[in-house]
Amino acid sequence: MGINTQLDNILRDPIFTSHLTLMRSSSNGLFHPLVDIMIDRFCSQILPQIHHNIKWLNLESLSMERVLLASDYPNLYGLGLYQINYDTILRLFS
């Protein structure tokens, strides 16, 4: 079994895809976006395939809009938002 087949099997397993954290954290407690090529692949290839498995997403402010618009998430019940400013919160949730 090739590495791509193994990764595909993991990506389709709800145990591994129900709770996703799509950001990096640094030792000083700050959160940072994943590199663009990773976010692009998640948004264009991975999330559309596993969107129905996702129950919780942890996102940081710079990539959250791209991730949230990449697919619908019918089973999403939790959303962790990090490094988000007050104006963005008001724009999104009012």
Protein backbone atom coordinates (compact mmCIF):
# COMPACT_ATOMS: atom_id res chain seq x y z
CA MET A 1 0.00 0.00 0.00
CA GLY A 2 1.45 3.35 -1.04
CA ILE A 3 1.77 6.41 1.17
CA ASN A 4 -1.00 8.24 -0.72
CA THR A 5 -3.39 5.32 -0.20
CA GLN A 6 -2.59 5.26 3.51
CA LEU A 7 -3.14 9.03 3.80
CA ASP A 8 -6.42 8.76 1.90
CA ASN A 9 -7.60 6.06 4.32
CA ILE A 10 -6.71 8.24 7.31
CA LEU A 11 -8.45 11.27 5.79
CA ARG A 12 -11.64 9.29 5.30
CA ASP A 13 -11.67 7.92 8.87
CA PRO A 14 -14.07 9.98 11.05
CA ILE A 15 -11.88 9.34 14.10
CA PHE A 16 -9.13 11.47 12.57
CA THR A 17 -11.32 14.05 10.85
CA SER A 18 -14.03 14.95 13.35
CA HIS A 19 -11.91 17.53 15.19
CA LEU A 20 -9.48 19.56 13.05
CA THR A 21 -7.00 22.24 14.05
CA LEU A 22 -5.86 24.12 10.96
CA MET A 23 -3.23 26.40 12.46
CA ARG A 24 0.17 26.33 14.14
CA SER A 25 0.97 27.47 17.65
CA SER A 26 4.29 28.91 18.73
CA SER A 27 6.11 28.56 22.03
CA ASN A 28 5.09 32.11 22.99
CA GLY A 29 1.39 31.20 22.87
CA LEU A 30 0.54 32.85 19.55
CA PHE A 31 -1.32 31.11 16.75
CA HIS A 32 -0.30 31.30 13.11
CA PRO A 33 -1.87 30.14 9.84
CA LEU A 34 -0.62 27.07 8.06
CA VAL A 35 1.51 27.83 5.02
CA ASP A 36 -0.50 28.79 1.92
CA ILE A 37 0.19 25.57 0.03
CA MET A 38 -1.23 23.52 2.92
CA ILE A 39 -4.33 25.70 3.30
CA ASP A 40 -4.85 25.62 -0.48
CA ARG A 41 -4.72 21.82 -0.50
CA PHE A 42 -7.04 21.52 2.49
CA CYS A 43 -9.55 23.93 0.95
CA SER A 44 -9.50 22.56 -2.60
CA GLN A 45 -9.00 18.83 -2.08
CA ILE A 46 -9.32 17.58 1.48
CA LEU A 47 -12.17 19.52 3.09
CA PRO A 48 -14.65 18.88 0.25
CA GLN A 49 -14.05 15.14 0.72
CA ILE A 50 -14.35 15.02 4.51
CA HIS A 51 -16.71 17.94 5.25
CA HIS A 52 -19.47 15.63 6.51
CA ASN A 53 -17.13 14.14 9.17
CA ILE A 54 -16.09 17.46 10.70
CA LYS A 55 -17.70 18.25 14.04
CA TRP A 56 -15.23 20.83 15.35
CA LEU A 57 -12.84 23.27 13.69
CA ASN A 58 -10.09 25.32 15.34
CA LEU A 59 -9.08 28.19 13.07
CA GLU A 60 -7.05 31.37 13.23
CA SER A 61 -8.25 34.61 11.74
CA LEU A 62 -6.10 34.80 8.59
CA SER A 63 -7.34 31.53 7.08
CA MET A 64 -10.75 31.07 8.69
CA GLU A 65 -12.76 32.61 5.85
CA ARG A 66 -11.08 30.41 3.24
CA VAL A 67 -11.66 27.28 5.32
CA LEU A 68 -15.28 28.10 6.18
CA LEU A 69 -16.13 28.86 2.54
CA ALA A 70 -14.35 25.75 1.20
CA SER A 71 -17.34 23.51 1.93
CA ASP A 72 -20.50 23.15 3.94
CA TYR A 73 -20.13 21.44 7.30
CA PRO A 74 -23.47 19.78 8.12
CA ASN A 75 -22.24 18.19 11.37
CA LEU A 76 -20.21 21.13 12.68
CA TYR A 77 -21.24 21.99 16.22
CA GLY A 78 -18.09 23.70 17.50
CA LEU A 79 -15.81 26.40 16.22
CA GLY A 80 -12.66 27.66 17.96
CA LEU A 81 -11.51 31.03 16.63
CA TYR A 82 -8.01 32.25 17.54
CA GLN A 83 -6.15 35.52 16.98
CA ILE A 84 -9.38 37.18 15.88
CA ASN A 85 -10.01 40.87 16.46
CA TYR A 86 -13.21 42.40 17.74
CA ASP A 87 -14.14 44.11 14.44
CA THR A 88 -13.97 40.79 12.60
CA ILE A 89 -16.19 39.16 15.22
CA LEU A 90 -18.78 41.91 14.81
CA ARG A 91 -18.65 41.66 11.00
CA LEU A 92 -19.09 37.89 11.01
CA PHE A 93 -21.64 37.41 13.76
CA SER A 94 -23.97 40.41 13.67
